[in-house]
Amino acid sequence: MSNLGKTIRNLRLKNRLSQAALADLINIPSQSKISAWESDQSLPDVFEAQRLSQVFGVSLDELLKNSIKQ
């Protein structure tokens, strides 16, 4: 799991949200996208990342911090 996938999962669990509830909050049609992000099968686009940061109450920088694989 990438750092971004871990971060999304940890913030989701910290906020006691299911994947389906998070999907509803950021206006995506299915929790399968959340699952794909958390398991590194895909990444959120810029707009989805912005909505995630708003839901979690963190800056976009904090959400993305250390998420780039080197």
N, C-alpha and C. Protein backbone atom coordinates (compact mmCIF):
# COMPACT_ATOMS: atom_id res chain seq x y z
N MET A 1 0.84 -1.17 0.00
CA MET A 1 0.00 0.00 0.00
C MET A 1 0.89 1.24 0.00
N SER A 2 0.60 2.18 -0.89
CA SER A 2 1.38 3.42 -0.94
C SER A 2 1.08 4.26 0.29
N ASN A 3 1.89 5.27 0.48
CA ASN A 3 1.62 6.17 1.59
C ASN A 3 0.27 6.85 1.42
N LEU A 4 -0.12 7.19 0.19
CA LEU A 4 -1.42 7.82 -0.02
C LEU A 4 -2.54 6.84 0.31
N GLY A 5 -2.44 5.63 -0.12
CA GLY A 5 -3.44 4.62 0.20
C GLY A 5 -3.57 4.42 1.70
N LYS A 6 -2.44 4.36 2.39
CA LYS A 6 -2.44 4.22 3.85
C LYS A 6 -3.06 5.44 4.50
N THR A 7 -2.72 6.62 4.01
CA THR A 7 -3.25 7.86 4.58
C THR A 7 -4.77 7.91 4.44
N ILE A 8 -5.27 7.61 3.25
CA ILE A 8 -6.72 7.62 3.04
C ILE A 8 -7.39 6.63 3.98
N ARG A 9 -6.85 5.43 4.05
CA ARG A 9 -7.45 4.41 4.93
C ARG A 9 -7.41 4.84 6.39
N ASN A 10 -6.26 5.34 6.84
CA ASN A 10 -6.14 5.75 8.24
C ASN A 10 -7.08 6.90 8.58
N LEU A 11 -7.18 7.89 7.69
CA LEU A 11 -8.08 9.01 7.94
C LEU A 11 -9.54 8.56 7.91
N ARG A 12 -9.86 7.65 7.00
CA ARG A 12 -11.23 7.12 6.94
C ARG A 12 -11.59 6.40 8.24
N LEU A 13 -10.68 5.55 8.72
CA LEU A 13 -10.94 4.81 9.96
C LEU A 13 -10.97 5.74 11.16
N LYS A 14 -10.07 6.72 11.18
CA LYS A 14 -10.05 7.70 12.28
C LYS A 14 -11.38 8.44 12.37
N ASN A 15 -11.98 8.69 11.23
CA ASN A 15 -13.26 9.39 11.18
C ASN A 15 -14.45 8.44 11.25
N ARG A 16 -14.16 7.15 11.49
CA ARG A 16 -15.18 6.11 11.65
C ARG A 16 -16.15 6.08 10.47
N LEU A 17 -15.57 6.08 9.27
CA LEU A 17 -16.36 6.02 8.05
C LEU A 17 -16.12 4.70 7.34
N SER A 18 -17.17 4.14 6.81
CA SER A 18 -17.02 3.00 5.92
C SER A 18 -16.60 3.52 4.56
N GLN A 19 -16.15 2.63 3.70
CA GLN A 19 -15.81 3.06 2.34
C GLN A 19 -17.03 3.61 1.63
N ALA A 20 -18.19 3.00 1.85
CA ALA A 20 -19.43 3.47 1.21
C ALA A 20 -19.82 4.86 1.72
N ALA A 21 -19.67 5.09 3.02
CA ALA A 21 -20.01 6.41 3.58
C ALA A 21 -19.08 7.48 3.04
N LEU A 22 -17.80 7.16 2.93
CA LEU A 22 -16.84 8.12 2.37
C LEU A 22 -17.17 8.42 0.92
N ALA A 23 -17.50 7.40 0.17
CA ALA A 23 -17.88 7.59 -1.24
C ALA A 23 -19.07 8.55 -1.34
N ASP A 24 -20.05 8.38 -0.47
CA ASP A 24 -21.21 9.28 -0.47
C ASP A 24 -20.79 10.72 -0.16
N LEU A 25 -19.90 10.88 0.82
CA LEU A 25 -19.48 12.23 1.22
C LEU A 25 -18.71 12.97 0.14
N ILE A 26 -17.98 12.24 -0.70
CA ILE A 26 -17.22 12.92 -1.75
C ILE A 26 -17.88 12.79 -3.12
N ASN A 27 -19.12 12.31 -3.10
CA ASN A 27 -19.95 12.26 -4.31
C ASN A 27 -19.37 11.40 -5.43
N ILE A 28 -18.94 10.20 -5.06
CA ILE A 28 -18.58 9.23 -6.10
C ILE A 28 -19.58 8.07 -6.00
N PRO A 29 -19.88 7.42 -7.11
CA PRO A 29 -21.00 6.49 -7.16
C PRO A 29 -20.83 5.17 -6.40
N SER A 30 -19.61 4.80 -6.07
CA SER A 30 -19.41 3.48 -5.48
C SER A 30 -18.21 3.48 -4.56
N GLN A 31 -18.27 2.64 -3.54
CA GLN A 31 -17.13 2.52 -2.63
C GLN A 31 -15.98 1.78 -3.28
N SER A 32 -16.18 1.22 -4.46
CA SER A 32 -15.10 0.47 -5.11
C SER A 32 -13.91 1.37 -5.44
N LYS A 33 -14.18 2.65 -5.72
CA LYS A 33 -13.08 3.59 -5.97
C LYS A 33 -12.24 3.78 -4.71
N ILE A 34 -12.89 3.90 -3.58
CA ILE A 34 -12.18 4.06 -2.31
C ILE A 34 -11.30 2.83 -2.08
N SER A 35 -11.86 1.66 -2.29
CA SER A 35 -11.11 0.42 -2.13
C SER A 35 -9.90 0.39 -3.06
N ALA A 36 -10.09 0.83 -4.30
CA ALA A 36 -8.99 0.84 -5.27
C ALA A 36 -7.89 1.81 -4.84
N TRP A 37 -8.27 2.96 -4.29
CA TRP A 37 -7.26 3.91 -3.81
C TRP A 37 -6.47 3.31 -2.66
N GLU A 38 -7.19 2.71 -1.71
CA GLU A 38 -6.55 2.17 -0.52
C GLU A 38 -5.65 0.98 -0.84
N SER A 39 -5.93 0.29 -1.93
CA SER A 39 -5.12 -0.88 -2.30
C SER A 39 -4.16 -0.59 -3.45
N ASP A 40 -3.97 0.68 -3.76
CA ASP A 40 -3.01 1.12 -4.79
C ASP A 40 -3.34 0.63 -6.20
N GLN A 41 -4.60 0.36 -6.47
CA GLN A 41 -4.99 -0.01 -7.82
C GLN A 41 -5.23 1.22 -8.67
N SER A 42 -5.51 2.36 -8.01
CA SER A 42 -5.68 3.63 -8.71
C SER A 42 -5.45 4.76 -7.72
N LEU A 43 -5.46 5.97 -8.25
CA LEU A 43 -5.26 7.16 -7.43
C LEU A 43 -6.43 8.12 -7.64
N PRO A 44 -6.77 8.89 -6.61
CA PRO A 44 -7.81 9.89 -6.80
C PRO A 44 -7.32 10.98 -7.75
N ASP A 45 -8.25 11.54 -8.53
CA ASP A 45 -7.86 12.68 -9.36
C ASP A 45 -7.77 13.92 -8.47
N VAL A 46 -7.39 15.03 -9.03
CA VAL A 46 -7.18 16.25 -8.26
C VAL A 46 -8.46 16.68 -7.54
N PHE A 47 -9.59 16.59 -8.21
CA PHE A 47 -10.84 17.02 -7.61
C PHE A 47 -11.27 16.08 -6.49
N GLU A 48 -11.06 14.79 -6.66
CA GLU A 48 -11.38 13.82 -5.63
C GLU A 48 -10.46 14.01 -4.42
N ALA A 49 -9.19 14.27 -4.66
CA ALA A 49 -8.25 14.51 -3.57
C ALA A 49 -8.64 15.77 -2.79
N GLN A 50 -9.09 16.78 -3.49
CA GLN A 50 -9.52 18.01 -2.82
C GLN A 50 -10.74 17.73 -1.94
N ARG A 51 -11.69 16.97 -2.45
CA ARG A 51 -12.87 16.63 -1.65
C ARG A 51 -12.49 15.77 -0.45
N LEU A 52 -11.55 14.84 -0.64
CA LEU A 52 -11.07 14.04 0.49
C LEU A 52 -10.48 14.92 1.58
N SER A 53 -9.66 15.87 1.18
CA SER A 53 -9.02 16.74 2.18
C SER A 53 -10.07 17.55 2.94
N GLN A 54 -11.12 17.97 2.25
CA GLN A 54 -12.19 18.73 2.91
C GLN A 54 -12.95 17.85 3.89
N VAL A 55 -13.30 16.64 3.48
CA VAL A 55 -14.03 15.72 4.36
C VAL A 55 -13.22 15.39 5.60
N PHE A 56 -11.93 15.16 5.42
CA PHE A 56 -11.07 14.77 6.53
C PHE A 56 -10.58 15.96 7.35
N GLY A 57 -10.77 17.18 6.86
CA GLY A 57 -10.33 18.36 7.60
C GLY A 57 -8.82 18.51 7.63
N VAL A 58 -8.17 18.10 6.55
CA VAL A 58 -6.72 18.24 6.43
C VAL A 58 -6.41 19.01 5.15
N SER A 59 -5.24 19.58 5.08
CA SER A 59 -4.86 20.27 3.86
C SER A 59 -4.55 19.24 2.77
N LEU A 60 -4.63 19.69 1.54
CA LEU A 60 -4.27 18.82 0.42
C LEU A 60 -2.80 18.41 0.54
N ASP A 61 -1.96 19.33 0.98
CA ASP A 61 -0.54 19.00 1.20
C ASP A 61 -0.38 17.87 2.21
N GLU A 62 -1.14 17.95 3.30
CA GLU A 62 -1.04 16.92 4.33
C GLU A 62 -1.53 15.57 3.80
N LEU A 63 -2.59 15.59 3.02
CA LEU A 63 -3.12 14.36 2.45
C LEU A 63 -2.10 13.71 1.52
N LEU A 64 -1.44 14.52 0.72
CA LEU A 64 -0.51 13.99 -0.28
C LEU A 64 0.92 13.84 0.22
N LYS A 65 1.22 14.37 1.38
CA LYS A 65 2.58 14.35 1.92
C LYS A 65 3.16 12.94 1.93
N ASN A 66 4.35 12.82 1.40
CA ASN A 66 5.09 11.55 1.36
C ASN A 66 4.40 10.47 0.55
N SER A 67 3.51 10.86 -0.37
CA SER A 67 2.79 9.84 -1.14
C SER A 67 3.48 9.47 -2.44
N ILE A 68 4.49 10.21 -2.81
CA ILE A 68 5.18 9.94 -4.06
C ILE A 68 6.23 8.85 -3.83
N LYS A 69 6.13 7.79 -4.60
CA LYS A 69 7.13 6.71 -4.50
C LYS A 69 8.42 7.16 -5.15
N GLN A 70 9.51 6.94 -4.47
CA GLN A 70 10.81 7.34 -5.01
C GLN A 70 11.68 6.13 -5.26
